[in-house]
Amino acid sequence: MSVRIWIRNPLAIFTANEDDAGGGLVIEGSTIVELVGQGASPTVPYDSVFEARDHAVLPGLINTHHHFYQTLTRAWAPVVNVPLFPWLVNLYPVWARLTPRDLELATTAALAELLLSGCTTAADHHYLFPTGMEDSIDVQVSVVRRLGMRATLTRGSMSLGEDDGGLPPQRTVQEAEVILADSERLISRYHERGNGAQIQIALAPCSPFSVTTDIMKASAALADLHDVRLHTHLAETLDEEEFCRERFGFRTVDYLESVGWLGPRTWLAHGIHFDDDEVSRLGAAGVGVAHCPTSNMRLASGICRAVELEEAGVPVGLGVDGSASNDGSNLMMEARQALYLQRLRYGAEQVTPERVLGWATRGSATALGRADIGQIAVGKQADLAMYRLDDLRFSGSHDPLSALLLCGADRADRVMVGGQWRVEDGAVVGLDLEALIAEHSAAARRLVG
């Protein structure tokens, strides 16, 4: 029989809904079975208690956009001071030298960093499959399972190389037949459905400047056939907007509609440069947006219209983006950046800590098409992030939930995924972090050498 545990009397709790859980919650197996009101006790029997009086408790954070492999090229000097297009042109040849072991190390580093920040579910956009890297998604699946997290792993693709007017070098692109066949293989082998899914597969042609319209249309048809989600970069920079106008004769949202992507199956990375009409159209269509504030600032791409998108009906989530344009994989710090960047656009009154924590949890879950995570509620998965506020940085703070962002919480003390502790006392369970850092750092030096 499943053991019931009462997470009792948290210092503070954010449920991402209006439910009262001031007295904590009861978990049975992988599921939340009761919320306990302030000062109350559970109505169901419980087997054990975790005293949470020193912890601020959140739903497990959800990362909607990443490139795990890029942890190997953080703060690489040749691209520190350039915008997106020259940043990509310089890095493509480096990334083309990836090996399966490189990817395994990079994925482990990215997921461990996310997990330590309180993230329990991550979406990765992997679109590089040079010779020898055909099984990249399989490598990622094994790492996700080993760390016990959840992931939406996207089978990305690039099919428009330099010879045909695209940005990527030819050795990094694939033929459409190869892309679609592997997409079907991955869906059949790994995609899980229903509540509690650990691994899900989505289809993710990289961007308008690196794939053909044919692969965009074929991916949409395949996603519809197998009922999986669609993901791509869109409206990240003005250069991309100009590329779409010159090559396709469309602005980005018109391009999206022309290839059959303007619907609730789709979520977009960045989504910065939309006009008023496009914001409305995206909301009406139910297209999600992964807001990546740190990357957008790092590459000077612009500020996403996150509040207007959300109010138009767009599911807004947060993404750390690649660890070579953010140079980190910390989702709590990403939420802090979102708070401050969005306040520059909309003011302090509209962009509250609660709103931003909502993007990092419930909003991100909705963007990924999941209703079983992102909230602390009866029937949801027991995915939790728990933070102590006893560091010097929190001394003198008064509201614990606001303090998480305003005082810069960057590391969870406890993280639970599906009722299982995956971080205990600030350490990833079963992971030799020192050994990982040593081998990952050595791989990074070899890659750029």
Protein backbone atom coordinates (compact mmCIF):
# COMPACT_ATOMS: atom_id res chain seq x y z
CA MET A 1 0.00 0.00 0.00
CA SER A 2 1.12 3.56 -0.69
CA VAL A 3 2.49 5.51 2.25
CA ARG A 4 0.77 8.78 3.12
CA ILE A 5 2.98 11.71 4.14
CA TRP A 6 1.79 14.99 5.61
CA ILE A 7 3.92 18.00 4.59
CA ARG A 8 2.96 19.90 7.72
CA ASN A 9 2.58 23.61 8.48
CA PRO A 10 4.85 25.21 5.86
CA LEU A 11 6.37 28.61 6.52
CA ALA A 12 4.50 29.73 3.38
CA ILE A 13 2.84 27.94 0.49
CA PHE A 14 1.99 29.01 -3.07
CA THR A 15 -0.58 26.68 -4.63
CA ALA A 16 -0.92 28.49 -8.01
CA ASN A 17 -4.67 28.55 -7.36
CA GLU A 18 -7.04 29.84 -4.68
CA ASP A 19 -6.97 26.71 -2.48
CA ASP A 20 -6.15 27.03 1.22
CA ALA A 21 -3.19 24.85 2.15
CA GLY A 22 -1.82 26.81 5.10
CA GLY A 23 -1.61 23.62 7.15
CA GLY A 24 0.16 21.74 4.38
CA LEU A 25 -0.80 18.81 2.18
CA VAL A 26 -1.06 15.05 2.27
CA ILE A 27 0.58 12.92 -0.42
CA GLU A 28 -0.24 9.30 -1.20
CA GLY A 29 2.08 7.63 -3.67
CA SER A 30 2.65 10.12 -6.48
CA THR A 31 -0.49 12.20 -5.90
CA ILE A 32 -1.75 14.97 -3.64
CA VAL A 33 -4.80 13.60 -1.82
CA GLU A 34 -5.65 16.38 0.64
CA LEU A 35 -4.94 20.05 1.28
CA VAL A 36 -4.91 21.00 4.96
CA GLY A 37 -6.24 24.39 6.01
CA GLN A 38 -4.40 26.76 8.31
CA GLY A 39 -4.45 25.37 11.86
CA ALA A 40 -6.21 22.16 10.83
CA SER A 41 -5.18 18.50 10.68
CA PRO A 42 -5.71 16.03 7.83
CA THR A 43 -9.03 14.21 7.64
CA VAL A 44 -7.32 11.16 6.09
CA PRO A 45 -4.94 8.93 8.06
CA TYR A 46 -1.25 9.54 7.44
CA ASP A 47 1.84 7.44 8.04
CA SER A 48 4.58 10.05 8.42
CA VAL A 49 5.13 13.76 8.77
CA PHE A 50 7.61 16.14 7.18
CA GLU A 51 7.84 19.28 9.25
CA ALA A 52 7.86 22.19 6.78
CA ARG A 53 7.81 25.10 9.23
CA ASP A 54 11.18 26.30 7.89
CA HIS A 55 10.22 25.93 4.20
CA ALA A 56 8.40 28.00 1.61
CA VAL A 57 6.61 25.45 -0.58
CA LEU A 58 5.83 25.82 -4.28
CA PRO A 59 4.59 23.49 -6.99
CA GLY A 60 7.60 22.07 -8.80
CA LEU A 61 8.80 24.71 -11.25
CA ILE A 62 8.42 23.94 -14.97
CA ASN A 63 10.94 24.99 -17.61
CA THR A 64 9.36 25.38 -21.06
CA HIS A 65 12.44 25.98 -23.22
CA HIS A 66 16.06 24.89 -22.99
CA HIS A 67 18.97 23.52 -25.05
CA PHE A 68 20.71 21.15 -22.66
CA TYR A 69 23.77 20.64 -24.86
CA GLN A 70 24.67 24.32 -24.58
CA THR A 71 25.92 23.94 -21.00
CA LEU A 72 29.23 23.05 -22.71
CA THR A 73 29.61 26.51 -24.28
CA ARG A 74 28.80 28.92 -21.48
CA ALA A 75 30.55 32.29 -21.52
CA TRP A 76 32.60 31.42 -24.62
CA ALA A 77 34.60 34.55 -25.39
CA PRO A 78 34.00 34.80 -29.19
CA VAL A 79 30.22 35.16 -28.67
CA VAL A 80 29.98 37.10 -25.43
CA ASN A 81 29.24 40.44 -27.12
CA VAL A 82 27.21 39.59 -30.22
CA PRO A 83 23.46 39.29 -31.02
CA LEU A 84 21.63 36.14 -32.09
CA PHE A 85 22.61 35.61 -35.76
CA PRO A 86 26.41 36.02 -35.40
CA TRP A 87 26.16 34.17 -32.07
CA LEU A 88 24.67 31.19 -33.92
CA VAL A 89 27.05 31.38 -36.88
CA ASN A 90 30.04 31.17 -34.54
CA LEU A 91 28.62 28.38 -32.40
CA TYR A 92 27.16 26.03 -35.02
CA PRO A 93 30.60 24.62 -35.99
CA VAL A 94 31.46 24.06 -32.33
CA TRP A 95 28.21 22.26 -31.58
CA ALA A 96 28.64 20.12 -34.70
CA ARG A 97 31.55 18.40 -32.87
CA LEU A 98 29.33 17.05 -30.08
CA THR A 99 29.66 13.38 -29.13
CA PRO A 100 27.06 11.22 -27.36
CA ARG A 101 29.08 11.37 -24.14
CA ASP A 102 29.28 15.17 -24.42
CA LEU A 103 25.51 15.31 -24.71
CA GLU A 104 25.04 12.95 -21.76
CA LEU A 105 27.25 15.14 -19.57
CA ALA A 106 25.64 18.37 -20.79
CA THR A 107 22.13 17.02 -20.20
CA THR A 108 23.05 15.80 -16.72
CA ALA A 109 24.56 19.17 -15.84
CA ALA A 110 21.53 21.08 -17.15
CA LEU A 111 18.98 18.87 -15.40
CA ALA A 112 20.93 18.82 -12.12
CA GLU A 113 21.14 22.61 -12.13
CA LEU A 114 17.43 22.88 -12.89
CA LEU A 115 16.55 20.35 -10.18
CA LEU A 116 18.61 22.19 -7.59
CA SER A 117 16.73 25.39 -8.45
CA GLY A 118 13.38 23.70 -7.75
CA CYS A 119 12.49 22.64 -11.30
CA THR A 120 10.77 19.26 -11.65
CA THR A 121 9.79 19.29 -15.34
CA ALA A 122 11.86 20.57 -18.27
CA ALA A 123 11.29 20.94 -22.00
CA ASP A 124 14.40 20.64 -24.15
CA HIS A 125 14.75 21.72 -27.77
CA HIS A 126 17.42 19.54 -29.36
CA TYR A 127 17.86 20.16 -33.08
CA LEU A 128 21.48 19.11 -33.76
CA PHE A 129 22.03 15.63 -35.17
CA PRO A 130 25.47 15.58 -36.86
CA THR A 131 27.00 12.24 -37.83
CA GLY A 132 27.29 10.04 -34.77
CA MET A 133 24.57 11.92 -32.89
CA GLU A 134 21.54 10.23 -34.42
CA ASP A 135 20.42 8.87 -31.01
CA SER A 136 20.58 12.20 -29.16
CA ILE A 137 17.04 12.06 -27.79
CA ASP A 138 17.62 8.50 -26.57
CA VAL A 139 20.63 9.78 -24.61
CA GLN A 140 18.50 12.49 -23.04
CA VAL A 141 15.75 10.04 -22.09
CA SER A 142 18.25 7.94 -20.13
CA VAL A 143 19.47 10.97 -18.16
CA VAL A 144 15.95 12.18 -17.33
CA ARG A 145 15.05 8.73 -16.02
CA ARG A 146 18.25 8.48 -13.99
CA LEU A 147 17.58 11.80 -12.23
CA GLY A 148 13.88 11.07 -11.77
CA MET A 149 12.56 14.27 -13.32
CA ARG A 150 9.88 14.82 -15.96
CA ALA A 151 10.68 16.09 -19.43
CA THR A 152 9.16 17.09 -22.74
CA LEU A 153 11.96 16.19 -25.14
CA THR A 154 11.49 17.75 -28.54
CA ARG A 155 12.78 16.12 -31.70
CA GLY A 156 14.15 19.26 -33.26
CA SER A 157 15.41 19.62 -36.79
CA MET A 158 17.29 21.82 -39.23
CA SER A 159 16.73 21.27 -42.95
CA LEU A 160 17.60 24.65 -44.52
CA GLY A 161 21.37 25.00 -44.73
CA GLU A 162 23.68 27.75 -45.95
CA ASP A 163 23.63 26.44 -49.53
CA ASP A 164 19.87 27.05 -49.72
CA GLY A 165 19.74 30.42 -47.98
CA GLY A 166 19.51 29.27 -44.35
CA LEU A 167 21.80 30.02 -41.44
CA PRO A 168 23.17 26.58 -40.36
CA PRO A 169 26.19 24.95 -42.05
CA GLN A 170 25.28 22.06 -44.35
CA ARG A 171 26.80 19.39 -42.11
CA THR A 172 24.26 20.21 -39.41
CA VAL A 173 21.10 19.78 -41.53
CA GLN A 174 19.11 16.63 -42.28
CA GLU A 175 16.78 15.46 -45.03
CA ALA A 176 13.06 15.59 -44.33
CA GLU A 177 12.66 11.82 -44.63
CA VAL A 178 15.25 11.22 -41.92
CA ILE A 179 13.70 13.81 -39.60
CA LEU A 180 10.17 12.46 -39.93
CA ALA A 181 11.16 8.80 -39.61
CA ASP A 182 13.09 9.47 -36.42
CA SER A 183 10.23 11.59 -35.08
CA GLU A 184 7.84 8.66 -35.51
CA ARG A 185 10.33 6.28 -33.88
CA LEU A 186 10.71 8.50 -30.82
CA ILE A 187 6.97 9.03 -30.38
CA SER A 188 6.33 5.29 -30.63
CA ARG A 189 9.14 4.37 -28.25
CA TYR A 190 9.03 7.03 -25.56
CA HIS A 191 5.93 9.24 -25.55
CA GLU A 192 3.83 8.72 -22.41
CA ARG A 193 0.25 9.90 -22.05
CA GLY A 194 -1.98 10.67 -19.13
CA ASN A 195 -1.42 11.88 -15.60
CA GLY A 196 2.06 11.36 -14.20
CA ALA A 197 3.82 11.01 -17.56
CA GLN A 198 7.58 11.21 -17.13
CA ILE A 199 8.72 11.43 -20.76
CA GLN A 200 6.82 13.16 -23.54
CA ILE A 201 7.96 13.80 -27.10
CA ALA A 202 7.18 16.90 -29.15
CA LEU A 203 8.19 17.92 -32.69
CA ALA A 204 10.31 21.04 -32.99
CA PRO A 205 11.69 22.33 -36.31
CA CYS A 206 14.26 24.84 -35.10
CA SER A 207 13.32 28.22 -36.56
CA PRO A 208 12.17 29.97 -39.76
CA PHE A 209 15.79 30.56 -40.79
CA SER A 210 16.88 26.93 -40.41
CA VAL A 211 14.02 24.77 -41.74
CA THR A 212 11.95 24.56 -44.92
CA THR A 213 8.23 25.20 -45.04
CA ASP A 214 7.81 21.57 -46.13
CA ILE A 215 9.23 20.24 -42.86
CA MET A 216 7.09 22.68 -40.89
CA LYS A 217 3.94 21.44 -42.64
CA ALA A 218 4.93 17.78 -42.40
CA SER A 219 5.72 18.14 -38.69
CA ALA A 220 2.32 19.71 -38.07
CA ALA A 221 0.61 16.83 -39.86
CA LEU A 222 2.62 14.25 -37.94
CA ALA A 223 1.89 15.94 -34.61
CA ASP A 224 -1.81 15.93 -35.42
CA LEU A 225 -1.68 12.24 -36.38
CA HIS A 226 0.00 11.21 -33.13
CA ASP A 227 -1.50 13.88 -30.84
CA VAL A 228 1.80 15.39 -29.72
CA ARG A 229 2.83 19.01 -29.34
CA LEU A 230 4.73 21.40 -31.62
CA HIS A 231 7.52 23.79 -30.68
CA THR A 232 9.76 26.27 -32.48
CA HIS A 233 11.58 29.58 -32.05
CA LEU A 234 9.56 32.51 -33.32
CA ALA A 235 9.71 36.31 -33.23
CA GLU A 236 12.90 36.29 -31.18
CA THR A 237 14.69 39.06 -33.09
CA LEU A 238 14.03 41.73 -35.70
CA ASP A 239 16.54 39.93 -37.96
CA GLU A 240 14.24 36.91 -37.91
CA GLU A 241 11.26 39.10 -38.74
CA GLU A 242 13.12 40.50 -41.73
CA PHE A 243 14.18 37.00 -42.83
CA CYS A 244 10.54 35.86 -42.82
CA ARG A 245 9.46 38.86 -44.86
CA GLU A 246 12.19 38.38 -47.46
CA ARG A 247 12.01 34.59 -47.80
CA PHE A 248 8.33 33.82 -47.23
CA GLY A 249 6.60 37.16 -47.78
CA PHE A 250 5.02 36.97 -44.31
CA ARG A 251 5.39 38.35 -40.84
CA THR A 252 6.07 35.60 -38.32
CA VAL A 253 2.49 34.85 -37.21
CA ASP A 254 1.27 34.79 -40.82
CA TYR A 255 4.11 32.37 -41.53
CA LEU A 256 3.00 30.24 -38.59
CA GLU A 257 -0.54 30.10 -39.92
CA SER A 258 0.62 29.33 -43.47
CA VAL A 259 2.35 26.12 -42.31
CA GLY A 260 -0.53 24.91 -40.12
CA TRP A 261 0.91 25.78 -36.71
CA LEU A 262 -1.52 28.42 -35.45
CA GLY A 263 -3.34 26.29 -32.87
CA PRO A 264 -3.38 25.05 -29.26
CA ARG A 265 -0.90 22.25 -29.99
CA THR A 266 1.87 24.85 -30.44
CA TRP A 267 4.08 26.67 -27.96
CA LEU A 268 6.73 29.15 -29.06
CA ALA A 269 10.11 30.09 -27.68
CA HIS A 270 10.61 33.83 -27.04
CA GLY A 271 7.69 35.46 -28.86
CA ILE A 272 9.05 38.99 -28.50
CA HIS A 273 8.21 40.91 -31.66
CA PHE A 274 4.44 40.52 -32.07
CA ASP A 275 2.17 43.45 -32.91
CA ASP A 276 -1.26 44.00 -31.29
CA ASP A 277 -3.15 42.00 -33.90
CA GLU A 278 -0.72 39.09 -33.63
CA VAL A 279 -1.04 39.03 -29.84
CA SER A 280 -4.82 38.73 -30.24
CA ARG A 281 -4.54 36.02 -32.89
CA LEU A 282 -2.15 33.96 -30.78
CA GLY A 283 -4.48 34.22 -27.81
CA ALA A 284 -7.54 33.24 -29.83
CA ALA A 285 -5.65 30.23 -31.21
CA GLY A 286 -4.40 29.14 -27.78
CA VAL A 287 -0.73 29.19 -28.80
CA GLY A 288 1.64 29.17 -25.82
CA VAL A 289 4.77 31.28 -25.32
CA ALA A 290 7.92 30.42 -23.39
CA HIS A 291 9.24 33.70 -22.01
CA CYS A 292 13.05 33.59 -21.70
CA PRO A 293 14.02 36.90 -20.08
CA THR A 294 17.70 36.27 -19.33
CA SER A 295 18.49 35.09 -22.85
CA ASN A 296 16.52 37.99 -24.32
CA MET A 297 18.59 40.45 -22.29
CA ARG A 298 21.90 38.62 -22.88
CA LEU A 299 21.46 38.74 -26.68
CA ALA A 300 19.71 42.14 -26.61
CA SER A 301 16.74 40.63 -28.45
CA GLY A 302 13.94 42.62 -26.82
CA ILE A 303 11.23 42.32 -24.14
CA CYS A 304 8.38 39.83 -24.54
CA ARG A 305 4.88 41.30 -24.20
CA ALA A 306 4.13 38.71 -21.52
CA VAL A 307 1.29 40.47 -19.70
CA GLU A 308 -0.57 41.37 -22.90
CA LEU A 309 -0.09 37.86 -24.25
CA GLU A 310 -1.45 36.33 -21.06
CA GLU A 311 -4.42 38.68 -20.98
CA ALA A 312 -5.18 37.81 -24.62
CA GLY A 313 -5.43 34.12 -23.67
CA VAL A 314 -1.91 32.93 -24.45
CA PRO A 315 -0.53 30.39 -21.92
CA VAL A 316 2.67 32.08 -20.74
CA GLY A 317 5.44 30.00 -19.21
CA LEU A 318 9.09 30.56 -18.39
CA GLY A 319 12.18 29.09 -20.02
CA VAL A 320 15.85 29.39 -19.16
CA ASP A 321 16.76 28.91 -22.84
CA GLY A 322 20.14 27.51 -23.80
CA SER A 323 22.92 27.71 -21.30
CA ALA A 324 25.05 29.56 -23.84
CA SER A 325 22.64 32.49 -24.15
CA ASN A 326 21.63 32.52 -20.51
CA ASP A 327 24.78 30.84 -19.22
CA GLY A 328 22.76 29.24 -16.44
CA SER A 329 19.95 26.72 -15.92
CA ASN A 330 18.33 28.11 -12.78
CA LEU A 331 14.59 28.52 -13.12
CA MET A 332 14.08 30.39 -9.86
CA MET A 333 16.60 32.99 -10.99
CA GLU A 334 14.78 33.09 -14.33
CA ALA A 335 11.57 33.94 -12.49
CA ARG A 336 13.38 36.77 -10.71
CA GLN A 337 14.61 38.14 -14.05
CA ALA A 338 11.07 37.88 -15.47
CA LEU A 339 9.73 39.90 -12.55
CA TYR A 340 12.18 42.72 -13.07
CA LEU A 341 12.22 42.77 -16.88
CA GLN A 342 8.44 42.73 -17.14
CA ARG A 343 8.16 45.52 -14.56
CA LEU A 344 10.17 47.70 -16.92
CA ARG A 345 7.41 47.28 -19.49
CA TYR A 346 4.27 47.12 -17.33
CA GLY A 347 5.10 48.59 -13.94
CA ALA A 348 5.31 47.13 -10.46
CA GLU A 349 1.55 46.94 -9.85
CA GLN A 350 0.85 44.54 -12.72
CA VAL A 351 3.88 42.26 -12.39
CA THR A 352 3.72 40.79 -8.91
CA PRO A 353 5.76 37.90 -7.47
CA GLU A 354 2.57 35.81 -7.45
CA ARG A 355 1.96 36.44 -11.14
CA VAL A 356 5.51 35.46 -12.06
CA LEU A 357 5.47 32.36 -9.87
CA GLY A 358 2.26 31.50 -11.71
CA TRP A 359 4.12 31.68 -15.01
CA ALA A 360 6.81 29.36 -13.64
CA THR A 361 4.25 26.78 -12.51
CA ARG A 362 0.67 26.70 -13.76
CA GLY A 363 1.36 28.81 -16.86
CA SER A 364 4.29 26.66 -17.88
CA ALA A 365 2.27 23.48 -17.37
CA THR A 366 -0.50 24.82 -19.59
CA ALA A 367 2.02 25.81 -22.28
CA LEU A 368 3.26 22.21 -22.30
CA GLY A 369 -0.30 20.87 -22.50
CA ARG A 370 -0.29 19.37 -19.00
CA ALA A 371 -3.09 19.60 -16.44
CA ASP A 372 -1.58 17.22 -13.87
CA ILE A 373 1.35 19.39 -12.72
CA GLY A 374 2.03 23.05 -11.93
CA GLN A 375 -0.39 23.36 -9.00
CA ILE A 376 -0.72 22.17 -5.44
CA ALA A 377 -4.24 20.74 -5.58
CA VAL A 378 -6.02 17.47 -4.87
CA GLY A 379 -5.46 15.01 -7.71
CA LYS A 380 -2.35 16.75 -9.04
CA GLN A 381 1.06 15.13 -9.08
CA ALA A 382 3.13 15.53 -5.91
CA ASP A 383 5.82 17.69 -7.50
CA LEU A 384 7.11 20.19 -4.94
CA ALA A 385 9.95 22.69 -4.53
CA MET A 386 10.82 23.70 -0.97
CA TYR A 387 13.12 26.55 0.05
CA ARG A 388 14.66 27.52 3.37
CA LEU A 389 14.91 31.24 4.09
CA ASP A 390 17.66 31.17 6.70
CA ASP A 391 20.56 32.47 4.57
CA LEU A 392 21.94 35.96 5.19
CA ARG A 393 20.27 37.16 1.98
CA PHE A 394 16.86 36.60 3.59
CA SER A 395 17.65 38.16 6.95
CA GLY A 396 15.19 40.97 7.57
CA SER A 397 12.68 39.78 4.98
CA HIS A 398 8.99 39.61 5.95
CA ASP A 399 6.88 38.02 3.20
CA PRO A 400 8.42 34.60 2.42
CA LEU A 401 6.96 34.15 -1.08
CA SER A 402 8.02 37.63 -2.20
CA ALA A 403 11.42 37.06 -0.61
CA LEU A 404 12.05 34.05 -2.85
CA LEU A 405 12.25 36.40 -5.83
CA LEU A 406 13.18 39.74 -4.31
CA CYS A 407 15.98 38.35 -2.14
CA GLY A 408 17.20 35.94 -4.81
CA ALA A 409 16.52 32.33 -3.76
CA ASP A 410 18.67 30.25 -6.09
CA ARG A 411 18.71 26.79 -4.53
CA ALA A 412 15.97 24.53 -3.22
CA ASP A 413 16.52 22.60 0.00
CA ARG A 414 14.07 19.83 -0.92
CA VAL A 415 12.52 18.82 -4.24
CA MET A 416 9.93 16.10 -4.74
CA VAL A 417 8.86 14.58 -8.08
CA GLY A 418 5.88 12.26 -8.09
CA GLY A 419 6.10 11.73 -4.35
CA GLN A 420 9.81 10.87 -4.39
CA TRP A 421 12.51 13.10 -2.92
CA ARG A 422 14.97 14.01 -5.68
CA VAL A 423 16.79 16.76 -3.76
CA GLU A 424 17.50 16.39 -0.04
CA ASP A 425 19.31 18.98 2.06
CA GLY A 426 20.28 20.90 -1.08
CA ALA A 427 21.88 17.92 -2.88
CA VAL A 428 20.64 15.82 -5.82
CA VAL A 429 19.97 12.33 -4.54
CA GLY A 430 22.41 9.77 -5.98
CA LEU A 431 24.48 12.26 -8.02
CA ASP A 432 28.22 12.79 -7.53
CA LEU A 433 28.16 16.48 -8.36
CA GLU A 434 31.91 16.99 -7.95
CA ALA A 435 32.71 14.22 -10.43
CA LEU A 436 30.12 15.55 -12.87
CA ILE A 437 31.59 19.05 -12.77
CA ALA A 438 35.10 17.73 -13.40
CA GLU A 439 34.16 15.62 -16.43
CA HIS A 440 31.69 18.16 -17.82
CA SER A 441 34.30 20.94 -17.59
CA ALA A 442 36.89 18.78 -19.36
CA ALA A 443 34.42 18.02 -22.15
CA ALA A 444 33.68 21.73 -22.54
CA ARG A 445 37.38 22.54 -22.94
CA ARG A 446 37.81 19.83 -25.56
CA LEU A 447 34.77 20.98 -27.53
CA VAL A 448 36.01 24.54 -28.07
CA GLY A 449 39.73 23.64 -28.29
